[in-house]
Structures are given as structure tokens and as C-alpha cells.
Amino acid sequence: MDLLSFEGKDYMVVVDYYSRWLEILRLTSTTSAAVIAKLRSIFMTHGFPEVVKSDNGTQFQSKEFRDFAKEFDFRTSTSSPVFPQANGEAESGVKIAKKILRQSSPDIALLNYRATPHSSTGVSPSQALMGRQLRTRLPVLPEVLVPRPVSDADIRQADQQAKDNYKFSYDKRHGATPLSKLVPGDQVLVKTDAESTWKKKGTVVAADADNRTYLINSPSTGVLRRNRKHLQQIPSPRHDIIPVSPEHSPAASDSKDITSSSDSKDIGDSKDINRRVTRAVGGYTAAKPLRYREEEVCAAIV
């Protein structure tokens, strides 16, 4: 569900995720009361939905809309802010609605859309929703209009296959890679598509069920809700290297042992000694592992 403005007029677009049935409703006002009135008329025709998904518009965040959802026993789900792709079906519905509204007879164009097989499901929205084909201006055999049951399994399988194919093509085209999950307490950088650099810092507070949207507590802006795409995890500092003072370092001990036995023929010259000491991350000196030192000693003897 989404709102759009076209040629100075406001409309509400409602799409059924299962059948792709499309409703385009003219709005005289964009208040919560006006939106609720239009939704009531749809619900009285098709029944109450289980979930209504929308963007974060004020109409859908108001107490009036929450009470409406409670009255008719459906859940509300909002997409990630500043990330329209999160409600892709509604965005696609808006594009189709605009094409329909540009036609000389939008009502006929809407009827034709509902009677045309959808590329994802393989059947028309009317067939998926009502189990029958709609009669349009196009000539058609009478038997085509006879109601026939449509396989739910076939619709869902075709729909899922279409989604998988689209995702594969999109990821390949954009070089997309899976993003790691975040957990509460992780430090992140926040950036939207409109911003050019990762500057804003925050801490993960919570995640939704599918780990796509997160609540971020930012010192500069408070609690934000962002999609995983707009978050970059800050690596935690390394704790595997412990600074060692020079007088207590393994390298120093090895050097003393080497100096005291410098006259031994089993030990190479000073160049061999220097090769035993290496420089670790952060500038600290550390002794090479024992197996490397044994190999160098054997090489010196040979």
C-alpha cells in the first residue's frame, strides 16, 4: 500500500501480494481518516487481510490507524525508512498505477491489467483472486469465462521462481554480496543512499525477525530505523597481540642466550640472529615461532 500524486491529484494504491490484484483509489484528503475509509471499502469486498504493509507515512503511524488495525485484527508492517526497495511490490504497483492513469480511459486500463496473466504467477490477478477470468472488450470464447479453480501450489511456485530469478539477475548486475547479521551492541556507521560518506556512528539496539531492519542508537540523532544496506559494521579492536616490554620480551631473552653462546659453531653469524626477530602489528617486537628458528639454525649448520 502506498500513496501517490498524479497531475495534482492524490491516489492510494493497494496491491495484493498473492494475486497482484491492484486497486487505485482517488483521495480527496491524505489524512488517516480518508485512508481508513478507502481501506474499509476494500475490506468489505475482499475480506480482512492478515498483514498490511506500507511505508512510514504519518497516515499509517497515527493512533487512529493503529486502532483501525486492532479493530479489524490485522498486523501492520512498515518498510525501512529512506529505502523504498524494502516495499518493492508497492513500488511496482505505483509504477503500474501511473501508467494506467496516463491512459485515456484509466478504468478500462485497470480492468485489462486485472484480466492479463501476470509474469510472476502465470495467471491473471482475477484468476488468482477469484478463480475466474474477467470479460473485457477483447473477443473471447465462452468457455474461457467459466470459473475454474487455480492451483495454489502452482501460483506460489511460479511466484517464488520469478523472485529467485530476479534476485539472481539483480545481484549479478550490481555485484551484490550477502551482508553479515548484526547483533545488539555492535558499533556501526550509518549512511543513506543520498549521503556520500559514512560519518554517522551508532550502536545496534535491536533487529527485526529477518535481520533486514535494525534500530540504531546514534548520539547525534537518537534512535534510527535503518535497512542493513545502510549500515557498515565497525570492526572491534584486535586483542590477539599483547604488548611486551623490551626487557621481558622473548626476543630479548633469545638475544641474551645467543650472545652467551656466540662461540658455538652450531649458531650462525649475527645475520642469523637478526632473522629470528620480527616486527609484529603495532610496532612491537616478537620472536619468530620456534619451528622457523629451528629451520634457520639447521640451514646455518649446513
Protein backbone atom coordinates (compact mmCIF):
# COMPACT_ATOMS: atom_id res chain seq x y z
CA MET A 1 0.00 0.00 0.00
CA ASP A 2 1.29 3.44 -0.94
CA LEU A 3 0.14 6.96 -1.78
CA LEU A 4 0.94 8.83 -4.98
CA SER A 5 0.24 12.20 -6.56
CA PHE A 6 -0.58 12.38 -10.25
CA GLU A 7 -1.40 15.57 -12.12
CA GLY A 8 -2.26 17.37 -8.91
CA LYS A 9 -4.50 14.60 -7.55
CA ASP A 10 -3.84 12.17 -4.72
CA TYR A 11 -4.39 8.43 -5.01
CA MET A 12 -3.97 5.38 -2.81
CA VAL A 13 -2.52 2.24 -4.44
CA VAL A 14 -3.23 -1.13 -2.84
CA VAL A 15 -1.66 -4.36 -4.13
CA ASP A 16 -2.45 -7.90 -3.06
CA TYR A 17 0.93 -9.63 -2.70
CA TYR A 18 -0.52 -13.03 -3.60
CA SER A 19 -2.64 -12.34 -6.70
CA ARG A 20 -1.18 -8.92 -7.72
CA TRP A 21 -4.73 -7.55 -7.74
CA LEU A 22 -4.46 -3.77 -7.96
CA GLU A 23 -6.71 -1.05 -6.52
CA ILE A 24 -6.30 2.63 -7.44
CA LEU A 25 -8.46 4.83 -5.22
CA ARG A 26 -8.88 8.59 -5.55
CA LEU A 27 -8.26 10.51 -2.32
CA THR A 28 -9.76 13.91 -1.55
CA SER A 29 -7.55 14.07 1.53
CA THR A 30 -4.44 12.22 2.69
CA THR A 31 -5.40 12.09 6.36
CA SER A 32 -5.64 8.87 8.33
CA ALA A 33 -9.44 9.09 8.30
CA ALA A 34 -9.56 9.30 4.49
CA VAL A 35 -7.16 6.37 4.08
CA ILE A 36 -9.09 4.25 6.58
CA ALA A 37 -12.38 4.94 4.78
CA LYS A 38 -10.95 3.65 1.48
CA LEU A 39 -9.44 0.58 3.11
CA ARG A 40 -12.75 -0.26 4.77
CA SER A 41 -14.44 -0.37 1.37
CA ILE A 42 -11.78 -2.79 0.09
CA PHE A 43 -12.01 -4.99 3.17
CA MET A 44 -15.79 -5.21 2.88
CA THR A 45 -15.34 -6.58 -0.66
CA HIS A 46 -12.36 -8.93 -0.28
CA GLY A 47 -12.28 -9.61 3.46
CA PHE A 48 -9.83 -8.64 6.19
CA PRO A 49 -6.11 -9.12 5.48
CA GLU A 50 -3.65 -10.62 7.93
CA VAL A 51 -0.91 -8.05 7.27
CA VAL A 52 -0.98 -4.56 5.79
CA LYS A 53 2.42 -3.34 4.63
CA SER A 54 3.09 0.35 3.99
CA ASP A 55 5.76 3.00 4.14
CA ASN A 56 6.35 5.21 7.17
CA GLY A 57 3.84 7.91 6.23
CA THR A 58 2.10 9.74 9.05
CA GLN A 59 -1.23 8.27 7.93
CA PHE A 60 -0.02 4.78 8.83
CA GLN A 61 1.78 5.76 12.05
CA SER A 62 -1.13 7.53 13.71
CA LYS A 63 -3.08 6.24 16.72
CA GLU A 64 -6.22 6.27 14.57
CA PHE A 65 -4.69 3.79 12.13
CA ARG A 66 -3.38 1.58 14.94
CA ASP A 67 -6.87 1.46 16.43
CA PHE A 68 -8.25 0.58 13.00
CA ALA A 69 -5.79 -2.31 12.71
CA LYS A 70 -6.74 -3.55 16.16
CA GLU A 71 -10.47 -3.34 15.35
CA PHE A 72 -10.16 -5.43 12.18
CA ASP A 73 -7.49 -7.75 13.58
CA PHE A 74 -4.60 -7.25 11.14
CA ARG A 75 -0.93 -6.53 11.69
CA THR A 76 0.85 -3.52 10.26
CA SER A 77 4.34 -3.72 8.78
CA THR A 78 6.30 -0.68 7.66
CA SER A 79 9.28 -0.68 5.31
CA SER A 80 12.70 0.66 6.24
CA PRO A 81 12.87 4.47 6.14
CA VAL A 82 14.65 6.02 3.09
CA PHE A 83 14.71 2.60 1.43
CA PRO A 84 11.75 2.15 -0.99
CA GLN A 85 13.08 -1.23 -2.19
CA ALA A 86 12.00 -2.71 1.13
CA ASN A 87 8.39 -2.50 -0.08
CA GLY A 88 9.14 -3.43 -3.68
CA GLU A 89 5.68 -4.77 -4.53
CA ALA A 90 4.05 -1.47 -3.58
CA GLU A 91 6.65 0.48 -5.53
CA SER A 92 5.97 -1.70 -8.56
CA GLY A 93 2.25 -1.14 -8.07
CA VAL A 94 2.78 2.62 -8.05
CA LYS A 95 4.62 2.45 -11.38
CA ILE A 96 1.81 0.39 -12.92
CA ALA A 97 -0.80 2.75 -11.47
CA LYS A 98 0.89 5.76 -13.06
CA LYS A 99 0.91 4.02 -16.45
CA ILE A 100 -2.79 3.25 -16.06
CA LEU A 101 -3.65 6.82 -15.04
CA ARG A 102 -1.93 8.14 -18.17
CA GLN A 103 -4.36 6.23 -20.39
CA SER A 104 -7.38 7.93 -21.94
CA SER A 105 -9.67 5.50 -20.06
CA PRO A 106 -7.94 4.54 -16.80
CA ASP A 107 -10.86 2.37 -15.67
CA ILE A 108 -10.65 0.22 -18.82
CA ALA A 109 -6.86 0.04 -18.49
CA LEU A 110 -7.24 -1.16 -14.89
CA LEU A 111 -9.72 -3.85 -15.99
CA ASN A 112 -7.31 -5.05 -18.67
CA TYR A 113 -4.50 -5.26 -16.13
CA ARG A 114 -6.62 -7.40 -13.81
CA ALA A 115 -7.53 -9.74 -16.68
CA THR A 116 -3.99 -10.15 -18.06
CA PRO A 117 -1.76 -13.04 -16.89
CA HIS A 118 0.96 -11.74 -14.58
CA SER A 119 4.58 -12.50 -15.43
CA SER A 120 5.29 -13.78 -11.90
CA THR A 121 2.30 -16.01 -11.20
CA GLY A 122 1.44 -17.08 -14.74
CA VAL A 123 -2.26 -16.31 -14.22
CA SER A 124 -4.27 -13.09 -14.19
CA PRO A 125 -4.93 -11.29 -10.89
CA SER A 126 -8.64 -12.06 -11.25
CA GLN A 127 -7.95 -15.79 -11.71
CA ALA A 128 -5.64 -15.91 -8.69
CA LEU A 129 -8.03 -13.91 -6.50
CA MET A 130 -11.48 -15.09 -7.66
CA GLY A 131 -10.82 -18.22 -9.69
CA ARG A 132 -12.33 -16.80 -12.86
CA GLN A 133 -11.40 -14.65 -15.84
CA LEU A 134 -12.92 -11.20 -16.35
CA ARG A 135 -14.75 -10.30 -19.55
CA THR A 136 -13.13 -7.38 -21.37
CA ARG A 137 -13.61 -5.74 -24.75
CA LEU A 138 -11.49 -8.40 -26.40
CA PRO A 139 -13.46 -11.22 -28.05
CA VAL A 140 -13.20 -14.45 -26.10
CA LEU A 141 -14.72 -17.92 -26.23
CA PRO A 142 -17.49 -18.52 -23.68
CA GLU A 143 -15.68 -21.45 -22.06
CA VAL A 144 -12.77 -19.17 -21.15
CA LEU A 145 -15.06 -17.25 -18.81
CA VAL A 146 -16.20 -20.37 -16.97
CA PRO A 147 -14.84 -20.28 -13.38
CA ARG A 148 -12.07 -22.81 -12.84
CA PRO A 149 -10.02 -23.48 -9.71
CA VAL A 150 -6.40 -22.42 -9.90
CA SER A 151 -3.69 -24.45 -8.17
CA ASP A 152 -2.38 -22.52 -5.17
CA ALA A 153 0.84 -24.56 -5.22
CA ASP A 154 1.46 -23.71 -8.87
CA ILE A 155 0.93 -19.99 -8.23
CA ARG A 156 3.29 -19.93 -5.26
CA GLN A 157 5.93 -21.99 -7.04
CA ALA A 158 5.87 -19.78 -10.13
CA ASP A 159 5.94 -16.65 -7.98
CA GLN A 160 8.91 -17.86 -5.93
CA GLN A 161 10.80 -18.91 -9.07
CA ALA A 162 10.26 -15.47 -10.59
CA LYS A 163 11.52 -13.79 -7.40
CA ASP A 164 14.60 -16.03 -7.28
CA ASN A 165 15.41 -15.30 -10.93
CA TYR A 166 15.02 -11.57 -10.40
CA LYS A 167 17.21 -11.64 -7.29
CA PHE A 168 19.92 -13.61 -9.10
CA SER A 169 19.94 -11.17 -12.03
CA TYR A 170 19.91 -8.13 -9.75
CA ASP A 171 22.74 -9.41 -7.54
CA LYS A 172 24.84 -10.33 -10.57
CA ARG A 173 24.23 -7.00 -12.25
CA HIS A 174 25.06 -4.94 -9.16
CA GLY A 175 27.73 -7.22 -7.70
CA ALA A 176 25.70 -7.69 -4.53
CA THR A 177 27.07 -9.88 -1.76
CA PRO A 178 25.37 -11.20 1.40
CA LEU A 179 25.76 -8.91 4.42
CA SER A 180 26.57 -10.33 7.84
CA LYS A 181 23.98 -10.20 10.59
CA LEU A 182 24.32 -7.60 13.32
CA VAL A 183 23.61 -8.14 17.00
CA PRO A 184 22.73 -5.67 19.76
CA GLY A 185 25.85 -3.86 20.92
CA ASP A 186 27.62 -3.83 17.55
CA GLN A 187 29.14 -0.49 16.58
CA VAL A 188 28.16 0.68 13.09
CA LEU A 189 28.42 3.56 10.66
CA VAL A 190 25.16 4.82 9.15
CA LYS A 191 24.68 6.22 5.64
CA THR A 192 21.70 6.51 3.31
CA ASP A 193 21.81 6.42 -0.49
CA ALA A 194 21.52 10.23 -0.53
CA GLU A 195 24.67 10.63 1.59
CA SER A 196 28.16 10.30 0.16
CA THR A 197 30.25 9.28 3.18
CA TRP A 198 29.98 7.07 6.24
CA LYS A 199 30.19 9.62 9.06
CA LYS A 200 27.35 8.96 11.49
CA LYS A 201 28.16 6.43 14.22
CA GLY A 202 25.72 4.38 16.25
CA THR A 203 25.08 1.24 18.25
CA VAL A 204 22.73 -1.58 17.27
CA VAL A 205 19.80 -1.76 19.69
CA ALA A 206 17.52 -4.37 18.10
CA ALA A 207 16.75 -6.19 14.84
CA ASP A 208 13.58 -7.37 13.13
CA ALA A 209 12.75 -11.03 12.59
CA ASP A 210 14.52 -11.36 9.22
CA ASN A 211 17.58 -9.26 10.20
CA ARG A 212 16.97 -6.73 7.44
CA THR A 213 15.96 -3.72 9.52
CA TYR A 214 17.74 -2.55 12.66
CA LEU A 215 17.18 0.03 15.38
CA ILE A 216 20.30 2.14 15.80
CA ASN A 217 21.04 4.46 18.72
CA SER A 218 23.05 7.39 17.38
CA PRO A 219 24.48 10.06 19.72
CA SER A 220 23.70 12.79 17.18
CA THR A 221 20.15 11.85 16.12
CA GLY A 222 18.82 9.41 18.72
CA VAL A 223 17.19 6.10 17.75
CA LEU A 224 17.03 5.42 13.99
CA ARG A 225 15.46 2.59 11.99
CA ARG A 226 17.59 1.60 9.02
CA ASN A 227 17.94 -1.20 6.50
CA ARG A 228 21.03 -3.43 6.70
CA LYS A 229 22.22 -1.93 3.41
CA HIS A 230 22.70 1.43 5.13
CA LEU A 231 24.82 0.04 7.97
CA GLN A 232 28.54 -0.72 7.99
CA GLN A 233 29.91 -2.62 10.96
CA ILE A 234 32.92 -1.11 12.71
CA PRO A 235 35.49 -3.87 13.34
CA SER A 236 36.22 -4.47 17.01
CA PRO A 237 39.82 -3.80 18.14
CA ARG A 238 42.23 -6.74 17.97
CA HIS A 239 43.15 -8.37 21.27
CA ASP A 240 45.37 -11.18 19.98
CA ILE A 241 48.62 -9.14 20.27
CA ILE A 242 49.76 -8.23 23.78
CA PRO A 243 52.44 -5.51 24.12
CA VAL A 244 55.61 -6.80 25.79
CA SER A 245 58.28 -4.60 27.32
CA PRO A 246 61.70 -4.93 25.64
CA GLU A 247 63.43 -6.28 28.74
CA HIS A 248 60.86 -9.07 29.14
CA SER A 249 60.27 -9.86 25.50
CA PRO A 250 61.07 -13.32 24.13
CA ALA A 251 63.31 -11.64 21.58
CA ALA A 252 65.45 -10.11 24.32
CA SER A 253 65.81 -13.46 26.09
CA ASP A 254 66.78 -15.17 22.87
CA SER A 255 69.35 -12.45 22.17
CA LYS A 256 70.98 -12.96 25.57
CA ASP A 257 71.18 -16.71 25.06
CA ILE A 258 72.63 -16.22 21.62
CA THR A 259 75.27 -13.74 22.87
CA SER A 260 76.44 -16.06 25.65
CA SER A 261 76.99 -18.88 23.20
CA SER A 262 78.35 -16.87 20.32
CA ASP A 263 81.44 -19.07 20.10
CA SER A 264 79.36 -22.15 19.36
CA LYS A 265 79.67 -23.44 15.84
CA ASP A 266 76.01 -24.53 15.87
CA ILE A 267 74.86 -20.93 15.76
CA GLY A 268 75.16 -18.79 12.65
CA ASP A 269 76.50 -15.25 12.43
CA SER A 270 74.71 -12.07 13.52
CA LYS A 271 72.58 -12.07 10.37
CA ASP A 272 71.01 -15.34 11.51
CA ILE A 273 70.25 -13.79 14.90
CA ASN A 274 68.55 -10.78 13.33
CA ARG A 275 66.38 -13.03 11.20
CA ARG A 276 64.95 -14.62 14.34
CA VAL A 277 63.37 -11.35 15.48
CA THR A 278 60.44 -9.96 13.51
CA ARG A 279 58.20 -6.93 13.77
CA ALA A 280 54.57 -7.54 14.79
CA VAL A 281 51.48 -5.40 14.14
CA GLY A 282 51.66 -2.10 16.04
CA GLY A 283 55.47 -1.93 16.10
CA TYR A 284 56.05 -4.47 18.88
CA THR A 285 58.96 -6.88 18.59
CA ALA A 286 58.17 -10.55 18.76
CA ALA A 287 60.13 -13.74 18.36
CA LYS A 288 59.55 -15.91 15.34
CA PRO A 289 57.80 -19.22 16.04
CA LEU A 290 60.11 -21.97 17.24
CA ARG A 291 59.72 -24.09 14.12
CA TYR A 292 61.03 -21.24 11.92
CA ARG A 293 64.02 -20.70 14.19
CA GLU A 294 64.89 -24.41 14.12
CA GLU A 295 64.77 -24.36 10.32
CA GLU A 296 67.15 -21.37 10.21
CA VAL A 297 69.57 -22.99 12.65
CA CYS A 298 69.62 -26.17 10.56
CA ALA A 299 70.24 -24.10 7.45
CA ALA A 300 73.16 -22.32 9.16
CA ILE A 301 74.73 -25.64 10.20
CA VAL A 302 74.52 -26.98 6.68
